[in-house]
Amino acid sequence: MTLWNALVEPADPDAWLETWENGTFERRTWMETIRTAEGIAAELIRRGVQPGDRIGSVLDNSYLSAAFVLGTWWSGGVLLSFPTPSRGTSPEAYVHQLTTLATSAEASLLVVSDEFALPLAEVVDATPGNHTSVVGFGDLDTEGTCTPRFADSDDVVFVQYSSGSTSAPKGCMLTPRAIEAQLDLIGDRIGPDELGEVQYSWLPLSHDMGLFGGFLWPWVTGMSLTMSTPTRFLRAPYTWLEECADRGATYTVGPNFGLSIALRAVRRRGLTARLALRHWIVGSDVVEHRLLAEALELLGPMGLPDTVFRPAYGMAEATLAVAMSHPGTTPSSIEVSLDGLYDGEVRAPSGDEISTRIIGCGPPMAGTSVTVDGDGPIGEILVTSPSLAIGYLGNPERTARAFPEPGVLRTGDLGFVHDGELYVVGREDDMVTVGGRNIYTSLVEKSLGEDPRLRSGSCAVVDVRRDDGSSLVIIAEPASTDIDFDATARELRQRASRESGLSISECIFVPRGSLPKSPSGKIQRFKCRSVASGDDSSTITRVKVG
């Protein structure tokens, strides 16, 4: 079955989509969603959209934005999914980013939430050389009908823009063939007969994990879906588990940082209802063994089985999943010497060596191969998969680097394969070299983040170039503002030195929610460097420690 058949002929037409609208959930069937999508397609065609035209959007998890995905494809348009605002990004900077992306991509339309449409239109209209019209989701007529103009299997139909964790956003070009393949890969690994009837997701539709794993997957497999919003989850994180329990959800997805926030809410508020969850896909950011153990201890009495968590590794360049744990298994992990990792070795700790436990992301998906490029067991992760993107829109140089030959992706991530499973230890961009050893700052951050005086998942180590040379800086969000900042900074510096040999020159404490992160929870190091360089005034205090 093709992607288009699967989307217009859902496996269960009576299954429903539930979205958060104006303070309450509203429920519609998938068939109602298809009719709305057809009406949106007719409206886009009326506005002059031709097959192959690019239509930019910031998908906001509303019902109309969900239907807009299919409506764009129905009209023959190419959907450009632009990222939602990253933490620490001002409204003015975000409007500028969207205007730049839409202009450079030559989008004919830019469709966004109604409240955002007017201020964005004012900036876009004033941009020299602009040919983009801004439209609010609410301005789209949904009542029309039209003949589908679906693209061919190898045409570009979707451009997934990254959230920009290491650089400016880049647009991965996907074909229907790649999207079909990814949905098949997820089905092969999960098995639709095991899923039950209801999925729950709060992940942004603008992100690959939210769109493909959290939205299109239940649509094509006939599951019902409750779809909340990222903003609502962050404001009321207890809703994730409470609503999973209320609806008997058997499947959910989310990043490691989201699990951390949800557990904190459960400890504070409590949870008495029983959970029916059997599949909890954890991905996007680094999965912490400690956090999974805490979740099972806290939620096990509410019905959460010890096989529920399914660590996974994926990226927009592969549409979504590259590797995922098998159902019905407990996550694999290995404890390794930290010194060994920094020396490029994977070995058990000996004596009083400091160790770290790394979670396995499961074996590669069906038809997917994962190898590492390096002199030892640790190297850059290379991927071949039937669901790979064909490159980056308007960026042949970056395309040539990431896709050195057809069907091969250089991920920029570093890891190793053990007993057939993929283990990820960091990114090439995250490494610093100390004494001839490669130090993975992501591992240092994981260790420092265990300090109870810091907020979980809100610590970054970045190298900063200054007039007097390069130095390493810790940027962190304190758990409260009444801690002893000087003592905390000294102890963080000592821990980083003891465990990794890093010499930290300064600790910068920033307000809650202001450590630069992408919408998927990844630390944005290039923005962190601006904070460390003094280009950002959103700091609580700076402590010189070296």
Protein backbone atom coordinates (compact mmCIF):
# COMPACT_ATOMS: atom_id res chain seq x y z
CA MET A 1 0.00 0.00 0.00
CA THR A 2 1.35 3.45 -0.89
CA LEU A 3 1.62 6.31 1.57
CA TRP A 4 -1.30 8.07 -0.08
CA ASN A 5 -3.55 5.00 0.09
CA ALA A 6 -2.68 4.54 3.75
CA LEU A 7 -3.55 8.14 4.60
CA VAL A 8 -6.87 8.37 2.73
CA GLU A 9 -7.98 4.82 3.57
CA PRO A 10 -7.12 4.38 7.28
CA ALA A 11 -7.05 0.88 8.70
CA ASP A 12 -9.88 1.79 11.09
CA PRO A 13 -12.03 4.67 9.81
CA ASP A 14 -13.82 4.89 13.15
CA ALA A 15 -10.62 5.38 15.13
CA TRP A 16 -10.35 8.93 16.38
CA LEU A 17 -7.98 11.88 16.61
CA GLU A 18 -8.28 13.94 19.78
CA THR A 19 -6.64 17.37 19.85
CA TRP A 20 -6.37 20.12 22.45
CA GLU A 21 -8.47 23.07 21.30
CA ASN A 22 -9.27 26.17 23.38
CA GLY A 23 -8.79 24.53 26.75
CA THR A 24 -10.44 21.18 26.06
CA PHE A 25 -10.00 18.04 23.97
CA GLU A 26 -12.08 17.70 20.83
CA ARG A 27 -12.46 14.31 19.15
CA ARG A 28 -13.00 13.54 15.47
CA THR A 29 -12.62 10.37 13.45
CA TRP A 30 -9.77 9.87 11.00
CA MET A 31 -12.35 9.96 8.17
CA GLU A 32 -13.47 13.42 9.34
CA THR A 33 -9.82 14.45 9.32
CA ILE A 34 -9.47 13.22 5.73
CA ARG A 35 -12.49 15.25 4.63
CA THR A 36 -11.03 18.34 6.34
CA ALA A 37 -7.71 17.69 4.59
CA GLU A 38 -9.48 17.55 1.23
CA GLY A 39 -11.15 20.88 1.97
CA ILE A 40 -7.77 22.42 2.84
CA ALA A 41 -6.32 21.03 -0.39
CA ALA A 42 -9.13 22.66 -2.38
CA GLU A 43 -8.42 25.96 -0.60
CA LEU A 44 -4.68 25.74 -1.36
CA ILE A 45 -5.42 25.06 -5.02
CA ARG A 46 -7.81 28.05 -5.04
CA ARG A 47 -4.93 30.15 -3.69
CA GLY A 48 -2.83 29.12 -6.68
CA VAL A 49 -0.76 26.22 -5.35
CA GLN A 50 0.64 24.14 -8.18
CA PRO A 51 2.20 20.65 -7.97
CA GLY A 52 5.71 21.02 -6.61
CA ASP A 53 5.11 24.41 -4.96
CA ARG A 54 6.68 24.75 -1.53
CA ILE A 55 4.43 25.56 1.40
CA GLY A 56 6.08 26.43 4.70
CA SER A 57 4.41 25.86 8.04
CA VAL A 58 4.96 25.75 11.77
CA LEU A 59 2.74 22.81 12.72
CA ASP A 60 1.21 23.63 16.10
CA ASN A 61 -0.57 20.36 17.07
CA SER A 62 -4.00 21.84 16.42
CA TYR A 63 -6.59 19.82 14.51
CA LEU A 64 -6.28 22.12 11.50
CA SER A 65 -2.49 21.82 11.40
CA ALA A 66 -2.81 18.02 11.59
CA ALA A 67 -5.23 17.96 8.65
CA PHE A 68 -3.03 20.51 6.86
CA VAL A 69 -0.24 17.92 6.55
CA LEU A 70 -2.35 15.68 4.29
CA GLY A 71 -4.08 18.67 2.71
CA THR A 72 -0.76 20.03 1.44
CA TRP A 73 0.17 16.68 -0.10
CA TRP A 74 -3.35 16.27 -1.52
CA SER A 75 -2.91 19.61 -3.34
CA GLY A 76 0.43 18.49 -4.82
CA GLY A 77 2.41 20.88 -2.64
CA VAL A 78 5.72 20.25 -0.88
CA LEU A 79 5.39 20.71 2.87
CA LEU A 80 8.27 22.56 4.58
CA SER A 81 8.10 21.89 8.32
CA PHE A 82 9.83 24.78 10.08
CA PRO A 83 10.98 24.41 13.71
CA THR A 84 9.10 25.85 16.65
CA PRO A 85 10.97 28.42 18.79
CA SER A 86 13.94 27.11 20.75
CA ARG A 87 14.35 27.97 24.40
CA GLY A 88 15.94 31.36 24.86
CA THR A 89 14.88 32.61 21.41
CA SER A 90 13.13 35.99 21.46
CA PRO A 91 9.94 36.47 19.40
CA GLU A 92 11.76 38.96 17.18
CA ALA A 93 14.63 36.56 16.52
CA TYR A 94 12.20 33.73 15.77
CA VAL A 95 10.20 35.83 13.29
CA HIS A 96 13.48 36.71 11.58
CA GLN A 97 14.46 33.02 11.47
CA LEU A 98 11.13 32.00 9.88
CA THR A 99 11.30 34.84 7.37
CA THR A 100 14.81 33.81 6.37
CA LEU A 101 13.86 30.14 6.01
CA ALA A 102 10.74 30.88 3.97
CA THR A 103 12.56 33.31 1.69
CA SER A 104 15.57 31.06 1.09
CA ALA A 105 13.31 28.07 0.40
CA GLU A 106 11.18 30.14 -2.02
CA ALA A 107 7.97 29.16 -0.24
CA SER A 108 4.84 30.46 -1.92
CA LEU A 109 2.81 30.25 1.31
CA LEU A 110 3.69 30.27 5.01
CA VAL A 111 0.89 28.83 7.15
CA VAL A 112 1.04 29.34 10.93
CA SER A 113 -1.22 29.65 13.98
CA ASP A 114 -3.73 32.49 13.75
CA GLU A 115 -2.29 34.59 16.58
CA PHE A 116 1.15 34.46 14.99
CA ALA A 117 0.06 35.18 11.42
CA LEU A 118 -0.33 38.98 11.60
CA PRO A 119 3.03 39.91 13.20
CA LEU A 120 4.81 37.46 10.94
CA ALA A 121 3.06 38.83 7.84
CA GLU A 122 4.21 42.36 8.68
CA VAL A 123 7.86 41.29 8.70
CA VAL A 124 7.58 38.99 5.69
CA ASP A 125 5.83 41.65 3.60
CA ALA A 126 8.59 44.14 4.40
CA THR A 127 11.36 41.75 3.36
CA PRO A 128 13.01 42.74 0.03
CA GLY A 129 12.47 40.19 -2.71
CA ASN A 130 9.76 38.39 -0.77
CA HIS A 131 7.23 36.26 -2.69
CA THR A 132 5.68 34.49 0.31
CA SER A 133 2.14 35.04 1.58
CA VAL A 134 1.37 34.40 5.26
CA VAL A 135 -1.87 32.61 6.13
CA GLY A 136 -3.38 31.57 9.48
CA PHE A 137 -4.72 28.04 9.88
CA GLY A 138 -8.11 29.52 10.72
CA ASP A 139 -8.21 31.37 7.39
CA LEU A 140 -8.20 28.12 5.42
CA ASP A 141 -11.57 27.00 4.07
CA THR A 142 -12.14 23.32 4.93
CA GLU A 143 -15.39 22.66 3.08
CA GLY A 144 -14.28 22.16 -0.53
CA THR A 145 -13.56 19.05 -2.56
CA CYS A 146 -10.97 18.37 -5.24
CA THR A 147 -9.19 15.63 -7.13
CA PRO A 148 -6.01 14.47 -5.35
CA ARG A 149 -2.76 15.54 -6.97
CA PHE A 150 -0.43 13.28 -5.00
CA ALA A 151 3.22 13.32 -6.00
CA ASP A 152 5.14 10.36 -7.40
CA SER A 153 7.10 8.07 -5.07
CA ASP A 154 10.49 9.68 -5.76
CA ASP A 155 9.44 13.33 -5.75
CA VAL A 156 10.29 15.52 -2.77
CA VAL A 157 7.09 16.03 -0.73
CA PHE A 158 8.40 16.93 2.70
CA VAL A 159 11.29 19.01 4.00
CA GLN A 160 11.98 18.46 7.70
CA TYR A 161 13.94 21.37 9.15
CA SER A 162 16.17 20.47 12.06
CA SER A 163 15.76 22.32 15.32
CA GLY A 164 19.35 23.51 15.10
CA SER A 165 21.12 21.85 18.03
CA THR A 166 24.59 22.38 16.54
CA SER A 167 24.04 25.00 13.82
CA ALA A 168 21.40 26.85 11.85
CA PRO A 169 18.36 24.72 10.86
CA LYS A 170 18.79 22.57 7.76
CA GLY A 171 16.04 21.05 5.65
CA CYS A 172 16.09 17.28 5.00
CA MET A 173 14.28 16.41 1.77
CA LEU A 174 12.04 13.33 1.98
CA THR A 175 10.15 11.41 -0.69
CA PRO A 176 6.94 9.37 -0.33
CA ARG A 177 9.08 6.27 -0.80
CA ALA A 178 11.25 7.18 2.22
CA ILE A 179 8.23 8.00 4.40
CA GLU A 180 6.47 4.76 3.40
CA ALA A 181 9.62 2.81 4.21
CA GLN A 182 9.95 4.42 7.66
CA LEU A 183 6.34 3.65 8.59
CA ASP A 184 6.91 0.06 7.48
CA LEU A 185 10.10 -0.12 9.58
CA ILE A 186 8.26 1.08 12.68
CA GLY A 187 5.51 -1.46 12.05
CA ASP A 188 8.04 -4.25 11.61
CA ARG A 189 9.76 -3.41 14.91
CA ILE A 190 6.65 -2.75 16.99
CA GLY A 191 4.02 -4.99 15.40
CA PRO A 192 0.56 -3.37 15.13
CA ASP A 193 -1.15 -6.38 16.75
CA GLU A 194 0.73 -5.61 19.96
CA LEU A 195 -0.22 -1.95 20.19
CA GLY A 196 -3.78 -2.00 21.47
CA GLU A 197 -6.03 0.85 20.51
CA VAL A 198 -4.84 4.22 21.84
CA GLN A 199 -1.64 6.23 21.51
CA TYR A 200 -0.80 9.42 23.42
CA SER A 201 1.62 12.12 22.25
CA TRP A 202 2.44 15.69 23.22
CA LEU A 203 5.46 15.97 20.91
CA PRO A 204 5.44 18.82 18.37
CA LEU A 205 4.20 17.91 14.89
CA SER A 206 6.99 20.14 13.60
CA HIS A 207 9.55 17.55 14.78
CA ASP A 208 10.17 14.20 13.06
CA MET A 209 9.51 12.17 16.22
CA GLY A 210 6.19 13.94 16.77
CA LEU A 211 5.07 13.81 13.14
CA PHE A 212 6.04 10.31 12.04
CA GLY A 213 6.15 8.38 15.32
CA GLY A 214 3.52 10.35 17.19
CA PHE A 215 1.00 11.16 14.44
CA LEU A 216 1.29 9.42 11.06
CA TRP A 217 2.10 6.02 12.57
CA PRO A 218 -1.21 5.70 14.52
CA TRP A 219 -3.12 7.14 11.56
CA VAL A 220 -1.97 4.51 9.08
CA THR A 221 -2.26 1.63 11.58
CA GLY A 222 -5.79 2.48 12.69
CA MET A 223 -5.02 3.45 16.29
CA SER A 224 -6.84 6.25 18.02
CA LEU A 225 -4.65 9.16 19.06
CA THR A 226 -4.81 11.72 21.85
CA MET A 227 -2.52 14.57 20.84
CA SER A 228 -1.71 17.22 23.42
CA THR A 229 0.75 20.07 22.86
CA PRO A 230 4.37 20.68 23.97
CA THR A 231 3.41 23.94 25.68
CA ARG A 232 0.63 22.28 27.65
CA PHE A 233 2.93 19.45 28.69
CA LEU A 234 5.64 21.82 29.92
CA ARG A 235 3.09 23.86 31.88
CA ALA A 236 1.31 20.80 33.31
CA PRO A 237 3.59 17.77 32.86
CA TYR A 238 1.38 15.55 35.03
CA THR A 239 -1.18 15.53 32.17
CA TRP A 240 0.97 13.10 30.16
CA LEU A 241 0.56 10.15 32.52
CA GLU A 242 -2.84 11.11 33.91
CA GLU A 243 -4.36 11.23 30.42
CA CYS A 244 -2.57 8.06 29.34
CA ALA A 245 -4.22 6.34 32.30
CA ASP A 246 -7.62 7.93 31.66
CA ARG A 247 -7.70 6.80 28.02
CA GLY A 248 -6.10 3.40 28.53
CA ALA A 249 -3.25 4.36 26.21
CA THR A 250 -0.95 1.45 25.42
CA TYR A 251 1.65 3.39 23.41
CA THR A 252 3.42 6.70 23.95
CA VAL A 253 6.58 8.43 22.79
CA GLY A 254 8.82 11.05 24.32
CA PRO A 255 12.38 12.21 24.94
CA ASN A 256 14.46 11.55 28.03
CA PHE A 257 14.06 15.13 29.28
CA GLY A 258 10.26 14.78 29.04
CA LEU A 259 10.35 11.65 31.19
CA SER A 260 12.41 13.53 33.78
CA ILE A 261 9.87 16.36 33.93
CA ALA A 262 6.93 13.94 34.13
CA LEU A 263 8.48 11.99 37.01
CA ARG A 264 9.09 15.20 38.92
CA ALA A 265 5.40 16.07 38.49
CA VAL A 266 4.28 12.62 39.66
CA ARG A 267 6.42 12.87 42.80
CA ARG A 268 4.92 16.27 43.55
CA ARG A 269 1.30 15.53 42.65
CA GLY A 270 0.96 11.75 42.84
CA LEU A 271 -0.70 9.32 40.44
CA THR A 272 -3.33 6.82 41.60
CA ALA A 273 -4.83 5.59 38.30
CA ARG A 274 -3.38 2.46 36.72
CA LEU A 275 -1.43 2.67 33.48
CA ALA A 276 -2.05 0.39 30.51
CA LEU A 277 1.15 1.44 28.72
CA ARG A 278 3.07 -1.39 27.06
CA HIS A 279 5.30 0.58 24.66
CA TRP A 280 7.08 3.78 25.67
CA ILE A 281 9.52 4.85 22.96
CA VAL A 282 12.32 6.99 24.41
CA GLY A 283 14.56 8.88 22.02
CA SER A 284 15.63 12.29 20.69
CA ASP A 285 18.12 13.05 23.49
CA VAL A 286 20.48 10.78 25.44
CA VAL A 287 18.59 8.11 27.41
CA GLU A 288 19.68 7.86 31.06
CA HIS A 289 19.74 4.48 32.78
CA ARG A 290 19.18 6.14 36.16
CA LEU A 291 16.01 7.82 34.95
CA LEU A 292 14.49 4.62 33.55
CA ALA A 293 15.16 2.85 36.84
CA GLU A 294 13.52 5.68 38.79
CA ALA A 295 10.49 5.57 36.49
CA LEU A 296 9.98 1.84 37.01
CA GLU A 297 10.33 2.21 40.77
CA LEU A 298 7.81 5.06 40.88
CA LEU A 299 5.32 3.86 38.27
CA GLY A 300 5.65 0.09 38.54
CA PRO A 301 2.95 -0.03 41.27
CA MET A 302 0.63 1.80 38.83
CA GLY A 303 0.94 -1.02 36.28
CA LEU A 304 4.04 0.01 34.30
CA PRO A 305 5.87 -3.20 33.28
CA ASP A 306 9.67 -3.42 33.37
CA THR A 307 9.65 -4.06 29.59
CA VAL A 308 7.77 -0.85 28.73
CA PHE A 309 10.72 1.37 27.78
CA ARG A 310 11.98 1.11 24.20
CA PRO A 311 15.16 3.21 23.77
CA ALA A 312 15.62 4.29 20.17
CA TYR A 313 18.02 6.26 18.00
CA GLY A 314 16.96 8.26 15.01
CA MET A 315 17.26 11.51 13.11
CA ALA A 316 15.48 13.59 10.51
CA GLU A 317 17.98 12.46 7.84
CA ALA A 318 16.60 8.92 8.25
CA THR A 319 12.98 10.18 8.35
CA LEU A 320 12.94 8.97 11.96
CA ALA A 321 14.14 5.67 13.46
CA VAL A 322 17.51 4.03 12.76
CA ALA A 323 17.56 1.61 15.70
CA MET A 324 15.00 0.59 18.32
CA SER A 325 14.75 -1.95 21.10
CA HIS A 326 12.56 -5.00 20.52
CA PRO A 327 9.18 -5.24 22.31
CA GLY A 328 8.91 -7.29 25.44
CA THR A 329 12.55 -6.80 26.47
CA THR A 330 14.21 -4.73 29.14
CA PRO A 331 16.60 -2.05 27.84
CA SER A 332 20.17 -3.22 27.39
CA SER A 333 22.96 -1.30 29.07
CA ILE A 334 26.65 -1.73 29.74
CA GLU A 335 28.88 -0.19 32.37
CA VAL A 336 32.14 0.97 30.90
CA SER A 337 35.26 2.69 32.08
CA LEU A 338 35.05 6.42 31.51
CA ASP A 339 38.81 6.60 31.00
CA GLY A 340 38.50 3.77 28.49
CA LEU A 341 35.88 5.66 26.50
CA TYR A 342 38.07 8.74 26.41
CA ASP A 343 40.91 6.58 25.10
CA GLY A 344 38.62 5.17 22.39
CA GLU A 345 38.09 1.83 24.15
CA VAL A 346 34.97 0.02 25.30
CA ARG A 347 35.89 -1.98 28.41
CA ALA A 348 34.65 -2.71 31.90
CA PRO A 349 36.02 -0.54 34.71
CA SER A 350 38.82 -1.98 36.81
CA GLY A 351 39.82 -1.17 40.35
CA ASP A 352 38.65 2.27 41.40
CA GLU A 353 38.16 3.56 37.84
CA ILE A 354 35.19 5.89 37.33
CA SER A 355 32.52 4.26 35.20
CA THR A 356 29.41 5.28 33.31
CA ARG A 357 26.45 3.21 32.24
CA ILE A 358 25.27 3.59 28.64
CA ILE A 359 21.84 2.53 27.42
CA GLY A 360 21.60 0.55 24.18
CA CYS A 361 19.30 1.89 21.49
CA GLY A 362 18.44 -1.57 20.18
CA PRO A 363 19.43 -3.23 16.92
CA PRO A 364 19.09 -1.47 13.55
CA MET A 365 15.64 -1.40 11.96
CA ALA A 366 14.82 -3.95 9.25
CA GLY A 367 16.77 -3.31 6.05
CA THR A 368 18.97 -0.81 7.91
CA SER A 369 22.68 -1.21 8.58
CA VAL A 370 24.76 0.65 11.15
CA THR A 371 28.56 0.73 11.11
CA VAL A 372 31.13 2.94 12.80
CA ASP A 373 33.90 4.74 10.95
CA GLY A 374 37.04 4.88 13.08
CA ASP A 375 40.30 3.20 14.02
CA GLY A 376 38.82 1.55 17.11
CA PRO A 377 35.47 0.33 18.37
CA ILE A 378 34.17 3.91 18.74
CA GLY A 379 33.63 6.00 15.64
CA GLU A 380 31.20 8.07 13.63
CA ILE A 381 27.92 6.24 13.09
CA LEU A 382 27.23 5.50 9.41
CA VAL A 383 23.73 4.47 8.34
CA THR A 384 22.21 2.87 5.26
CA SER A 385 18.42 2.72 5.25
CA PRO A 386 15.52 2.66 2.79
CA SER A 387 14.09 5.73 4.57
CA LEU A 388 17.02 8.13 4.11
CA ALA A 389 16.53 11.71 2.96
CA ILE A 390 17.97 12.62 -0.42
CA GLY A 391 19.86 15.64 0.89
CA TYR A 392 19.40 19.16 2.25
CA LEU A 393 17.30 21.71 0.42
CA GLY A 394 19.48 24.38 -1.22
CA ASN A 395 22.69 23.15 0.41
CA PRO A 396 24.74 20.91 -1.91
CA GLU A 397 27.93 21.27 0.17
CA ARG A 398 26.31 20.00 3.36
CA THR A 399 24.52 17.31 1.36
CA ALA A 400 27.84 16.07 -0.05
CA ARG A 401 29.33 15.83 3.45
CA ALA A 402 26.40 14.03 5.06
CA PHE A 403 25.54 11.80 2.08
CA PRO A 404 28.95 10.89 0.60
CA GLU A 405 27.36 8.28 -1.66
CA PRO A 406 23.78 7.27 -2.50
CA GLY A 407 22.08 5.49 0.37
CA VAL A 408 24.79 6.29 2.97
CA LEU A 409 24.47 8.82 5.80
CA ARG A 410 27.29 10.17 7.96
CA THR A 411 25.44 11.07 11.14
CA GLY A 412 28.03 13.14 13.00
CA ASP A 413 27.19 11.04 16.07
CA LEU A 414 29.75 8.83 17.77
CA GLY A 415 29.08 5.38 19.13
CA PHE A 416 29.76 1.68 18.93
CA VAL A 417 27.95 -1.59 18.26
CA HIS A 418 27.90 -4.26 20.99
CA ASP A 419 26.05 -7.59 20.74
CA GLY A 420 24.17 -6.26 17.73
CA GLU A 421 22.87 -3.12 19.47
CA LEU A 422 23.81 0.49 18.86
CA TYR A 423 25.25 2.55 21.73
CA VAL A 424 25.61 6.30 21.29
CA VAL A 425 28.18 8.24 23.33
CA GLY A 426 28.02 11.75 21.86
CA ARG A 427 28.45 13.97 18.85
CA GLU A 428 31.62 14.94 17.05
CA ASP A 429 30.67 18.56 17.72
CA ASP A 430 30.49 17.80 21.46
CA MET A 431 34.06 16.56 21.82
CA VAL A 432 36.94 18.45 23.37
CA THR A 433 40.51 17.17 23.39
CA VAL A 434 42.44 17.11 26.65
CA GLY A 435 45.89 15.58 26.85
CA GLY A 436 45.41 13.75 23.59
CA ARG A 437 42.12 12.19 24.71
CA ASN A 438 38.69 12.89 23.26
CA ILE A 439 36.31 13.92 26.05
CA TYR A 440 32.57 13.60 25.34
CA THR A 441 30.97 16.62 26.96
CA SER A 442 27.57 14.90 26.87
CA LEU A 443 28.90 12.31 29.36
CA VAL A 444 30.38 15.04 31.55
CA GLU A 445 27.04 16.87 31.49
CA LYS A 446 25.17 13.70 32.44
CA SER A 447 27.42 13.26 35.47
CA LEU A 448 27.28 16.91 36.55
CA GLY A 449 23.52 16.91 36.08
CA GLU A 450 23.17 14.36 38.87
CA ASP A 451 24.00 17.10 41.38
CA PRO A 452 20.71 17.76 43.24
CA ARG A 453 21.41 21.50 43.20
CA LEU A 454 20.95 21.55 39.42
CA ARG A 455 17.82 20.95 37.38
CA SER A 456 17.86 17.58 35.65
CA GLY A 457 19.04 17.74 32.05
CA SER A 458 19.91 21.43 32.29
CA CYS A 459 23.70 21.52 32.32
CA ALA A 460 26.02 22.26 29.39
CA VAL A 461 29.80 22.25 29.01
CA VAL A 462 31.04 24.40 26.12
CA ASP A 463 34.37 25.65 24.88
CA VAL A 464 34.59 29.40 24.44
CA ARG A 465 37.22 31.35 22.55
CA ARG A 466 38.24 34.60 24.20
CA ASP A 467 41.02 37.12 23.74
CA ASP A 468 43.21 35.24 26.22
CA GLY A 469 42.59 31.87 24.57
CA SER A 470 40.06 29.05 24.71
CA SER A 471 38.43 27.91 27.95
CA LEU A 472 35.74 25.52 29.13
CA VAL A 473 32.61 26.86 30.79
CA ILE A 474 29.71 25.17 32.60
CA ILE A 475 26.28 26.68 32.03
CA ALA A 476 23.56 25.33 34.32
CA GLU A 477 20.08 25.96 35.65
CA PRO A 478 20.00 25.73 39.46
CA ALA A 479 17.17 23.79 41.09
CA SER A 480 16.57 26.86 43.27
CA THR A 481 18.01 30.34 43.63
CA ASP A 482 18.97 29.96 47.29
CA ILE A 483 21.88 27.55 46.75
CA ASP A 484 25.47 28.50 47.54
CA PHE A 485 26.59 29.34 44.00
CA ASP A 486 30.30 29.62 44.86
CA ALA A 487 30.41 26.24 46.63
CA THR A 488 28.34 24.58 43.88
CA ALA A 489 30.64 25.95 41.18
CA ARG A 490 33.76 24.73 42.97
CA GLU A 491 32.33 21.24 43.44
CA LEU A 492 31.18 21.03 39.80
CA ARG A 493 34.68 22.04 38.70
CA GLN A 494 36.26 19.41 40.96
CA ARG A 495 33.93 16.71 39.68
CA ALA A 496 34.63 17.55 36.03
CA SER A 497 38.38 17.49 36.73
CA ARG A 498 38.28 14.27 38.74
CA GLU A 499 36.15 12.31 36.29
CA SER A 500 37.28 13.70 32.93
CA GLY A 501 40.39 15.80 33.42
CA LEU A 502 38.57 18.94 32.28
CA SER A 503 39.73 22.29 33.56
CA ILE A 504 36.66 24.51 33.98
CA SER A 505 37.30 28.24 34.07
CA GLU A 506 33.81 29.51 34.94
CA CYS A 507 30.34 28.38 36.01
CA ILE A 508 27.41 30.39 34.71
CA PHE A 509 24.03 29.92 36.38
CA VAL A 510 21.03 30.90 34.26
CA PRO A 511 17.32 31.17 35.08
CA ARG A 512 14.97 28.22 34.85
CA GLY A 513 14.07 27.45 31.23
CA SER A 514 16.76 29.66 29.70
CA LEU A 515 19.55 27.16 28.94
CA PRO A 516 19.45 27.15 25.11
CA LYS A 517 17.81 23.94 23.91
CA SER A 518 16.09 22.82 20.76
CA PRO A 519 12.35 22.01 20.89
CA SER A 520 13.32 18.33 21.16
CA GLY A 521 15.44 18.99 24.26
CA LYS A 522 18.92 18.94 22.74
CA ILE A 523 21.42 21.49 24.02
CA GLN A 524 22.15 24.17 21.42
CA ARG A 525 25.88 24.60 21.88
CA PHE A 526 26.35 27.43 19.43
CA LYS A 527 23.80 29.48 21.41
CA CYS A 528 25.35 28.39 24.72
CA ARG A 529 28.64 29.88 23.52
CA SER A 530 26.91 33.24 23.11
CA VAL A 531 25.72 33.03 26.71
CA ALA A 532 29.21 32.10 27.89
CA SER A 533 30.79 34.89 25.84
CA GLY A 534 28.65 37.48 27.56
CA ASP A 535 26.40 38.14 24.57
CA ASP A 536 23.35 37.11 26.61
CA SER A 537 22.30 38.92 29.78
CA SER A 538 19.96 36.19 31.06
CA THR A 539 22.24 35.02 33.86
CA ILE A 540 21.77 34.71 37.60
CA THR A 541 25.43 34.76 38.49
CA ARG A 542 28.88 33.97 37.12
CA VAL A 543 31.49 32.27 39.25
CA LYS A 544 35.16 32.20 38.20
CA VAL A 545 36.67 28.91 39.28
CA GLY A 546 39.86 28.64 37.25
